[in-house]
Amino acid sequence: MITRTSPPPRRRGLRLAGAAAAPALLLALAACASPGGQAPAAQPDSATEPAARELAAPRLVASYDGGLLVLEGDTLEVAAELELPGFLRVNPAGDGRHVLVSTDAGFRVLDTGLEAEQHGDHAHYYGETPQLTELVFEADHAGHVTTNEGVTALFADGTGEVQLFEASGLADAVAAGALEPLELRTHESAAAHHGVAVALPGDALLSTLGTEEARTGVAVFDASGAELARDERCPGVHGETVAAGGAIVVGCQDGALVFRDGAFTKVASPDAYGRIGTQAGSPESAVVLGDYKTDAEAELERPTRVSLIDTEAGTLRLVELGTSYTFRSLARGPHGEALVLGTDGAIHVIDPASGTVTATIPVLEEWTEPLDWQQARPALRVDGHRAYVTDPAASTIHLVDLDAGELRESVKLPAAPIELATVAAGH
């Protein structure tokens, strides 16, 4: 059932630890460029509040063993290094400014200090010093984070609870030093499991079905929590992404499920066991990029083929890369192109319509995937026309110009990066 909580009451499962430590709001932003071509500098409101400075690009966040690095998106310089113990996962909060850090307590809010003014097709970025706030969405085994239709959904694997909120309201919660300004909804799964949920139009919700022993499929619920549709033809359901037209794809051990126009379609793998567990979608393409594994008994399979799932035709195509890759290797480019970071050290660019590898962009030396999924391995993330690639073995991050197909910048970091998240206007 889906329930709502509106301010002022606090809902069960949300916690605020030390609200006084929450950061102040950004100051007023600099105005648009003047006729002379220069944007006037933002003016501080007081001597204790520095003005936001203009940035050339959005920021990104890298986790490492013992903390977080906030990096400038153009120079890759470290804007802040924030200590935090434990294995940390990072996901954009969906508002273009904040990142949700998965910790033992739940989803903790990181304020990157980024603000954007949108002017037509372009954005002007401004930033203050990043802050790790004390705001926490409590969750037992904090898992997947998704944002769709402007709503962010948080899944707690330990309970199966889903927490949902309007992403645009998170800044108000940070400014208030409390989560109460958010109107929070919750959905209780029938049983705890490693799952994922995605917000749908009209306050509806798509959420996985399963138990600690087995995951079987997905169901769709309306705003009141009533079940609208269900499909359990998806053993081992894992991961999600959204394609053009709002189609949602989740992976299965024998293919994928597509939810489109209010109905499910099963897209079968060509192999009896053809597992898809990680997907990358794009609003520019009806085709979803996925991984593809065929050895159910392998301790660690290193596949060399990826899957392309056509959400309109309901078909699946396999593409041989000639190199292996990992679950942090998949991304989409600005024009909907499918991108895969191979263990050969190159980004492989695939035309999703034809399934043809159209280019390779050398970035790293060859590398080997570690056995433990929590061990650091190179990660690929894309923001606009920029691709970011981490090299934990060298404690380095690389910036790639996707339009030019060239490596543009490489910077040594103070720690080996593990996960990577980007924040930008409209994300």
Protein backbone atom coordinates (compact mmCIF):
# COMPACT_ATOMS: atom_id res chain seq x y z
CA MET A 1 0.00 0.00 0.00
CA ILE A 2 1.14 3.55 -0.76
CA THR A 3 0.75 6.03 2.08
CA ARG A 4 1.41 9.77 2.24
CA THR A 5 2.92 11.93 4.91
CA SER A 6 2.62 15.69 4.70
CA PRO A 7 4.24 18.26 6.96
CA PRO A 8 4.34 18.86 9.84
CA PRO A 9 4.20 15.26 11.22
CA ARG A 10 7.37 13.21 10.78
CA ARG A 11 6.92 9.79 9.16
CA ARG A 12 8.29 6.60 10.63
CA GLY A 13 11.64 5.62 9.20
CA LEU A 14 13.00 9.14 8.62
CA ARG A 15 15.65 10.57 10.88
CA LEU A 16 17.39 13.90 11.27
CA ALA A 17 20.68 13.73 13.10
CA GLY A 18 22.07 17.10 14.11
CA ALA A 19 19.94 19.47 12.06
CA ALA A 20 22.07 22.40 13.08
CA ALA A 21 24.86 21.08 10.89
CA ALA A 22 22.79 21.31 7.69
CA PRO A 23 24.30 23.81 5.20
CA ALA A 24 22.80 27.16 4.32
CA LEU A 25 21.14 27.76 1.00
CA LEU A 26 23.14 29.11 -1.90
CA LEU A 27 23.04 32.85 -2.11
CA ALA A 28 21.32 34.66 -4.92
CA LEU A 29 22.78 33.64 -8.24
CA ALA A 30 24.58 35.94 -10.61
CA ALA A 31 22.35 37.46 -13.28
CA CYS A 32 22.48 36.48 -16.96
CA ALA A 33 25.32 37.83 -19.03
CA SER A 34 25.29 41.58 -19.60
CA PRO A 35 25.56 43.14 -23.11
CA GLY A 36 29.31 43.21 -22.60
CA GLY A 37 29.32 39.43 -22.34
CA GLN A 38 30.28 39.15 -18.67
CA ALA A 39 27.95 37.93 -15.92
CA PRO A 40 28.14 40.18 -12.84
CA ALA A 41 29.46 38.42 -9.77
CA ALA A 42 26.99 37.27 -7.14
CA GLN A 43 27.03 39.44 -4.03
CA PRO A 44 27.23 37.89 -0.56
CA ASP A 45 24.41 38.66 1.89
CA SER A 46 26.85 38.83 4.80
CA ALA A 47 30.53 38.63 5.54
CA THR A 48 30.09 35.06 6.74
CA GLU A 49 28.43 33.78 3.54
CA PRO A 50 30.74 33.68 0.50
CA ALA A 51 29.24 34.37 -2.91
CA ALA A 52 28.58 31.47 -5.23
CA ARG A 53 31.22 31.41 -7.96
CA GLU A 54 30.47 30.69 -11.58
CA LEU A 55 31.50 27.26 -12.84
CA ALA A 56 32.18 26.10 -16.39
CA ALA A 57 30.53 22.70 -15.88
CA PRO A 58 28.51 20.69 -13.35
CA ARG A 59 30.11 18.76 -10.52
CA LEU A 60 30.54 15.05 -9.86
CA VAL A 61 30.97 12.94 -6.74
CA ALA A 62 33.35 10.02 -6.33
CA SER A 63 33.26 7.68 -3.36
CA TYR A 64 36.43 6.13 -1.94
CA ASP A 65 37.29 3.92 1.00
CA GLY A 66 36.67 6.33 3.84
CA GLY A 67 34.91 9.24 2.21
CA LEU A 68 33.73 11.26 -0.75
CA LEU A 69 35.34 13.58 -3.28
CA VAL A 70 33.36 16.37 -4.95
CA LEU A 71 35.03 17.29 -8.25
CA GLU A 72 34.67 20.15 -10.70
CA GLY A 73 33.30 18.80 -13.96
CA ASP A 74 35.61 20.77 -16.25
CA THR A 75 39.00 20.75 -14.49
CA LEU A 76 38.46 17.64 -12.31
CA GLU A 77 39.88 19.59 -9.39
CA VAL A 78 38.75 18.56 -5.92
CA ALA A 79 36.13 21.00 -4.61
CA ALA A 80 35.79 19.11 -1.33
CA GLU A 81 37.03 15.97 0.39
CA LEU A 82 34.54 14.66 2.95
CA GLU A 83 35.40 11.86 5.35
CA LEU A 84 32.77 9.18 5.93
CA PRO A 85 33.49 5.59 6.97
CA GLY A 86 32.06 2.47 5.38
CA PHE A 87 31.36 1.21 1.88
CA LEU A 88 29.59 4.12 0.18
CA ARG A 89 27.36 4.11 -2.88
CA VAL A 90 26.42 7.38 -4.59
CA ASN A 91 23.40 8.27 -6.72
CA PRO A 92 22.04 11.59 -8.04
CA ALA A 93 19.05 12.71 -6.00
CA GLY A 94 17.30 13.88 -9.16
CA ASP A 95 17.30 17.63 -8.55
CA GLY A 96 20.58 18.53 -10.23
CA ARG A 97 22.27 19.46 -6.97
CA HIS A 98 22.18 16.76 -4.32
CA VAL A 99 23.59 13.24 -4.17
CA LEU A 100 22.24 10.42 -2.01
CA VAL A 101 24.95 8.46 -0.24
CA SER A 102 24.02 4.91 0.80
CA THR A 103 25.33 4.28 4.30
CA ASP A 104 24.58 1.82 7.10
CA ALA A 105 21.94 4.24 8.44
CA GLY A 106 20.21 4.88 5.12
CA PHE A 107 20.39 7.43 2.33
CA ARG A 108 22.36 10.48 3.51
CA VAL A 109 22.07 13.76 1.62
CA LEU A 110 25.21 15.33 0.15
CA ASP A 111 24.88 18.94 -1.02
CA THR A 112 27.32 19.46 -3.89
CA GLY A 113 26.85 23.24 -3.68
CA LEU A 114 25.83 23.31 -7.36
CA GLU A 115 23.12 25.64 -8.65
CA ALA A 116 22.06 26.22 -12.24
CA GLU A 117 20.21 28.86 -14.19
CA GLN A 118 18.67 27.55 -17.38
CA HIS A 119 18.65 29.83 -20.42
CA GLY A 120 17.08 28.08 -23.40
CA ASP A 121 19.30 25.14 -24.28
CA HIS A 122 22.15 26.33 -22.07
CA ALA A 123 22.73 26.45 -18.32
CA HIS A 124 24.94 28.71 -16.23
CA TYR A 125 26.41 26.88 -13.24
CA TYR A 126 27.33 28.35 -9.87
CA GLY A 127 28.75 26.69 -6.80
CA GLU A 128 29.60 26.99 -3.13
CA THR A 129 31.62 24.71 -0.92
CA PRO A 130 30.01 21.24 -0.87
CA GLN A 131 28.63 19.96 2.43
CA LEU A 132 27.74 16.51 3.71
CA THR A 133 24.47 17.26 5.48
CA GLU A 134 23.06 15.38 8.47
CA LEU A 135 19.79 14.62 6.68
CA VAL A 136 19.17 10.89 6.39
CA PHE A 137 16.35 8.88 4.84
CA GLU A 138 16.48 5.92 7.18
CA ALA A 139 16.61 2.60 5.35
CA ASP A 140 17.53 -0.95 6.30
CA HIS A 141 20.14 -1.91 3.68
CA ALA A 142 19.80 1.15 1.45
CA GLY A 143 19.65 -0.04 -2.15
CA HIS A 144 18.60 1.33 -5.52
CA VAL A 145 17.80 5.01 -6.17
CA THR A 146 15.76 6.03 -9.23
CA THR A 147 14.26 9.27 -10.50
CA ASN A 148 11.44 9.36 -13.06
CA GLU A 149 8.67 11.88 -13.71
CA GLY A 150 10.44 14.21 -11.27
CA VAL A 151 9.95 11.76 -8.40
CA THR A 152 12.81 10.01 -6.62
CA ALA A 153 12.27 6.50 -5.26
CA LEU A 154 14.47 4.88 -2.60
CA PHE A 155 14.39 1.12 -2.04
CA ALA A 156 15.36 -0.50 1.28
CA ASP A 157 16.42 -4.09 0.64
CA GLY A 158 16.14 -5.05 4.31
CA THR A 159 12.42 -4.27 4.54
CA GLY A 160 11.19 -3.82 0.97
CA GLU A 161 10.01 -0.31 1.84
CA VAL A 162 9.98 2.33 -0.91
CA GLN A 163 10.20 6.03 -0.05
CA LEU A 164 9.15 8.54 -2.71
CA PHE A 165 9.42 12.33 -2.87
CA GLU A 166 9.40 15.16 -5.39
CA ALA A 167 13.06 15.71 -6.25
CA SER A 168 12.55 19.47 -6.61
CA GLY A 169 11.60 19.70 -2.93
CA LEU A 170 14.86 18.36 -1.54
CA ALA A 171 16.56 21.78 -1.53
CA ASP A 172 13.82 23.10 0.76
CA ALA A 173 14.43 20.21 3.15
CA VAL A 174 18.15 20.96 3.22
CA ALA A 175 17.46 24.67 3.77
CA ALA A 176 15.08 23.85 6.63
CA GLY A 177 17.52 21.41 8.19
CA ALA A 178 14.76 18.81 8.29
CA LEU A 179 12.99 16.44 5.93
CA GLU A 180 9.48 17.56 6.92
CA PRO A 181 9.08 20.05 4.02
CA LEU A 182 8.93 17.03 1.71
CA GLU A 183 5.63 15.28 1.07
CA LEU A 184 6.75 11.69 1.46
CA ARG A 185 4.96 8.60 0.21
CA THR A 186 5.80 5.06 1.14
CA HIS A 187 5.08 1.70 -0.43
CA GLU A 188 5.46 -1.50 1.54
CA SER A 189 6.55 -4.54 -0.49
CA ALA A 190 4.99 -7.87 0.43
CA ALA A 191 8.42 -9.13 1.50
CA ALA A 192 11.95 -7.83 1.89
CA HIS A 193 14.20 -8.39 -1.13
CA HIS A 194 16.93 -6.79 -3.22
CA GLY A 195 14.64 -4.66 -5.35
CA VAL A 196 13.97 -1.44 -7.18
CA ALA A 197 11.02 0.89 -7.72
CA VAL A 198 10.24 3.53 -10.36
CA ALA A 199 7.72 6.36 -10.13
CA LEU A 200 5.10 6.52 -12.90
CA PRO A 201 2.75 9.33 -14.00
CA GLY A 202 -0.22 10.05 -11.77
CA ASP A 203 1.55 8.96 -8.56
CA ALA A 204 1.60 5.35 -9.76
CA LEU A 205 4.55 3.10 -8.99
CA LEU A 206 6.34 0.17 -10.59
CA SER A 207 8.06 -2.06 -8.03
CA THR A 208 9.78 -5.43 -8.04
CA LEU A 209 8.30 -8.60 -6.52
CA GLY A 210 10.32 -11.09 -4.52
CA THR A 211 11.58 -12.47 -1.25
CA GLU A 212 15.02 -12.98 0.24
CA GLU A 213 15.10 -16.35 -1.56
CA ALA A 214 13.80 -15.45 -5.03
CA ARG A 215 12.79 -12.48 -7.16
CA THR A 216 10.07 -13.12 -9.74
CA GLY A 217 8.85 -10.00 -11.50
CA VAL A 218 7.28 -6.57 -11.15
CA ALA A 219 3.91 -5.01 -10.40
CA VAL A 220 2.32 -1.60 -10.94
CA PHE A 221 0.31 0.16 -8.23
CA ASP A 222 -1.90 3.26 -8.38
CA ALA A 223 -1.72 6.23 -6.03
CA SER A 224 -3.83 4.44 -3.41
CA GLY A 225 -1.65 1.33 -3.48
CA ALA A 226 -4.11 -0.80 -5.45
CA GLU A 227 -2.42 -3.19 -7.87
CA LEU A 228 -3.03 -2.37 -11.54
CA ALA A 229 -0.83 -4.89 -13.33
CA ARG A 230 1.62 -7.68 -12.57
CA ASP A 231 4.09 -9.80 -14.55
CA GLU A 232 6.05 -12.60 -12.92
CA ARG A 233 7.82 -13.81 -16.05
CA CYS A 234 11.09 -12.35 -14.81
CA PRO A 235 13.19 -14.69 -12.67
CA GLY A 236 16.00 -12.91 -10.83
CA VAL A 237 14.62 -9.46 -11.70
CA HIS A 238 17.34 -6.84 -11.31
CA GLY A 239 18.01 -3.25 -12.35
CA GLU A 240 15.91 -0.77 -14.29
CA THR A 241 16.13 2.04 -16.80
CA VAL A 242 13.84 4.35 -18.76
CA ALA A 243 13.88 4.66 -22.55
CA ALA A 244 12.34 7.13 -25.00
CA GLY A 245 8.59 7.45 -24.61
CA GLY A 246 8.71 6.50 -20.94
CA ALA A 247 9.21 2.77 -21.51
CA ILE A 248 10.68 1.05 -18.45
CA VAL A 249 12.95 -1.99 -18.74
CA VAL A 250 13.92 -4.39 -15.95
CA GLY A 251 16.36 -7.25 -16.41
CA CYS A 252 15.66 -10.97 -15.96
CA GLN A 253 17.71 -14.16 -15.99
CA ASP A 254 16.08 -15.02 -19.33
CA GLY A 255 15.73 -11.62 -20.96
CA ALA A 256 13.87 -8.48 -19.93
CA LEU A 257 10.44 -7.08 -19.14
CA VAL A 258 9.29 -3.88 -20.84
CA PHE A 259 6.47 -1.78 -19.35
CA ARG A 260 5.14 0.53 -22.06
CA ASP A 261 1.78 2.19 -22.63
CA GLY A 262 0.34 0.49 -19.56
CA ALA A 263 1.23 -3.09 -20.54
CA PHE A 264 4.08 -5.55 -20.07
CA THR A 265 6.04 -7.22 -22.86
CA LYS A 266 8.48 -10.07 -22.25
CA VAL A 267 11.60 -9.91 -24.39
CA ALA A 268 13.25 -13.33 -24.28
CA SER A 269 16.97 -14.02 -24.42
CA PRO A 270 18.22 -16.32 -27.20
CA ASP A 271 19.74 -18.53 -24.46
CA ALA A 272 17.81 -20.42 -21.78
CA TYR A 273 19.96 -18.56 -19.26
CA GLY A 274 20.67 -15.14 -20.72
CA ARG A 275 20.84 -12.80 -17.75
CA ILE A 276 20.43 -9.04 -18.03
CA GLY A 277 21.03 -7.29 -14.71
CA THR A 278 22.33 -3.81 -15.57
CA GLN A 279 20.68 -1.48 -18.07
CA ALA A 280 21.27 2.02 -19.47
CA GLY A 281 18.50 3.96 -21.21
CA SER A 282 18.30 7.28 -23.01
CA PRO A 283 15.42 9.68 -23.77
CA GLU A 284 16.93 9.88 -27.27
CA SER A 285 16.46 6.17 -28.03
CA ALA A 286 13.80 3.47 -27.76
CA VAL A 287 16.62 0.92 -27.49
CA VAL A 288 18.05 0.05 -24.06
CA LEU A 289 21.64 -1.09 -23.53
CA GLY A 290 22.10 -4.04 -21.17
CA ASP A 291 24.74 -6.49 -20.05
CA TYR A 292 24.44 -10.18 -21.00
CA LYS A 293 25.63 -13.26 -19.11
CA THR A 294 25.09 -16.94 -19.99
CA ASP A 295 26.92 -18.96 -17.32
CA ALA A 296 24.68 -19.48 -14.28
CA GLU A 297 27.41 -21.44 -12.44
CA ALA A 298 30.28 -19.00 -12.90
CA GLU A 299 31.83 -17.44 -9.81
CA LEU A 300 32.45 -14.39 -11.94
CA GLU A 301 31.52 -14.33 -15.60
CA ARG A 302 33.36 -11.83 -17.77
CA PRO A 303 31.01 -11.39 -20.75
CA THR A 304 32.09 -9.90 -24.08
CA ARG A 305 28.59 -9.39 -25.50
CA VAL A 306 26.06 -6.71 -24.60
CA SER A 307 22.32 -6.67 -25.26
CA LEU A 308 20.24 -4.08 -27.10
CA ILE A 309 16.54 -4.25 -26.14
CA ASP A 310 14.14 -2.53 -28.55
CA THR A 311 11.23 -1.35 -26.39
CA GLU A 312 9.03 -0.63 -29.40
CA ALA A 313 9.61 -3.81 -31.42
CA GLY A 314 10.00 -6.05 -28.35
CA THR A 315 13.20 -7.59 -29.70
CA LEU A 316 16.70 -8.24 -28.36
CA ARG A 317 19.98 -8.04 -30.25
CA LEU A 318 23.42 -9.14 -29.01
CA VAL A 319 26.60 -7.24 -29.89
CA GLU A 320 30.06 -8.80 -29.60
CA LEU A 321 32.68 -6.33 -28.33
CA GLY A 322 35.75 -8.55 -28.24
CA THR A 323 36.46 -7.38 -24.70
CA SER A 324 34.82 -7.88 -21.31
CA TYR A 325 33.25 -5.18 -19.16
CA THR A 326 31.54 -4.77 -15.75
CA PHE A 327 28.33 -3.41 -14.26
CA ARG A 328 29.94 0.05 -14.00
CA SER A 329 30.80 0.06 -17.72
CA LEU A 330 27.45 0.97 -19.33
CA ALA A 331 26.28 4.47 -20.25
CA ARG A 332 24.54 6.48 -22.96
CA GLY A 333 25.85 9.38 -24.99
CA PRO A 334 24.16 12.72 -25.74
CA HIS A 335 22.66 11.44 -29.00
CA GLY A 336 21.47 8.14 -27.56
CA GLU A 337 24.58 6.20 -28.58
CA ALA A 338 25.36 3.16 -26.41
CA LEU A 339 28.70 3.34 -24.59
CA VAL A 340 30.62 0.46 -23.00
CA LEU A 341 33.91 0.78 -21.14
CA GLY A 342 35.84 -2.40 -21.89
CA THR A 343 38.61 -4.08 -19.93
CA ASP A 344 40.77 -3.27 -22.95
CA GLY A 345 40.70 0.32 -21.65
CA ALA A 346 38.56 1.81 -24.43
CA ILE A 347 35.03 3.21 -24.64
CA HIS A 348 33.17 1.30 -27.35
CA VAL A 349 30.54 3.42 -29.12
CA ILE A 350 27.56 1.46 -30.49
CA ASP A 351 24.79 2.63 -32.82
CA PRO A 352 21.71 1.32 -30.96
CA ALA A 353 19.63 1.09 -34.14
CA SER A 354 22.05 -1.05 -36.15
CA GLY A 355 24.02 -2.70 -33.35
CA THR A 356 27.25 -1.63 -35.02
CA VAL A 357 30.34 -0.52 -33.10
CA THR A 358 31.02 2.82 -34.75
CA ALA A 359 34.07 3.95 -32.78
CA THR A 360 36.43 3.13 -29.92
CA ILE A 361 38.00 5.77 -27.71
CA PRO A 362 41.20 4.70 -25.88
CA VAL A 363 41.21 5.91 -22.26
CA LEU A 364 42.95 3.43 -19.91
CA GLU A 365 45.48 0.66 -19.88
CA GLU A 366 44.04 -2.86 -19.93
CA TRP A 367 42.53 -3.91 -16.60
CA THR A 368 40.99 -6.96 -14.93
CA GLU A 369 37.68 -7.09 -13.11
CA PRO A 370 38.11 -8.05 -9.42
CA LEU A 371 36.14 -10.96 -7.96
CA ASP A 372 34.45 -8.97 -5.17
CA TRP A 373 31.82 -6.58 -6.55
CA GLN A 374 32.62 -4.05 -3.82
CA GLN A 375 36.26 -3.81 -4.91
CA ALA A 376 37.07 -0.76 -6.98
CA ARG A 377 37.11 -1.08 -10.76
CA PRO A 378 36.95 1.55 -13.53
CA ALA A 379 33.59 3.29 -13.82
CA LEU A 380 32.01 5.23 -16.70
CA ARG A 381 29.57 8.11 -16.22
CA VAL A 382 28.28 10.59 -18.78
CA ASP A 383 26.99 14.14 -18.38
CA GLY A 384 25.99 15.82 -21.62
CA HIS A 385 28.84 15.61 -24.10
CA ARG A 386 31.40 14.69 -21.42
CA ALA A 387 32.30 11.19 -20.29
CA TYR A 388 34.13 10.57 -17.03
CA VAL A 389 36.19 7.42 -16.49
CA THR A 390 37.82 6.44 -13.20
CA ASP A 391 41.05 4.47 -12.90
CA PRO A 392 41.26 3.31 -9.27
CA ALA A 393 44.54 1.46 -9.84
CA ALA A 394 46.19 4.81 -10.58
CA SER A 395 43.87 6.94 -8.38
CA THR A 396 43.05 8.93 -11.51
CA ILE A 397 39.97 10.29 -13.26
CA HIS A 398 39.75 11.04 -16.99
CA LEU A 399 37.57 13.45 -18.96
CA VAL A 400 36.57 12.41 -22.49
CA ASP A 401 35.01 14.66 -25.15
CA LEU A 402 32.42 12.36 -26.71
CA ASP A 403 31.77 14.53 -29.75
CA ALA A 404 35.46 14.67 -30.62
CA GLY A 405 36.12 11.11 -29.45
CA GLU A 406 39.19 12.28 -27.53
CA LEU A 407 40.66 12.12 -24.05
CA ARG A 408 40.86 15.73 -22.87
CA GLU A 409 42.00 15.67 -19.23
CA SER A 410 43.49 13.29 -16.68
CA VAL A 411 43.86 14.21 -13.01
CA LYS A 412 45.41 12.36 -10.07
CA LEU A 413 43.05 12.08 -7.08
CA PRO A 414 43.95 11.92 -3.38
CA ALA A 415 42.27 8.48 -3.12
CA ALA A 416 41.25 5.58 -5.34
CA PRO A 417 37.71 6.25 -6.64
CA ILE A 418 35.06 3.52 -6.34
CA GLU A 419 31.67 4.85 -7.46
CA LEU A 420 30.90 7.96 -9.48
CA ALA A 421 27.80 10.16 -9.77
CA THR A 422 27.16 13.34 -11.74
CA VAL A 423 24.81 16.22 -11.01
CA ALA A 424 23.56 18.75 -13.55
CA ALA A 425 20.57 20.92 -14.42
CA GLY A 426 17.53 18.80 -15.12
CA HIS A 427 19.02 15.64 -13.56
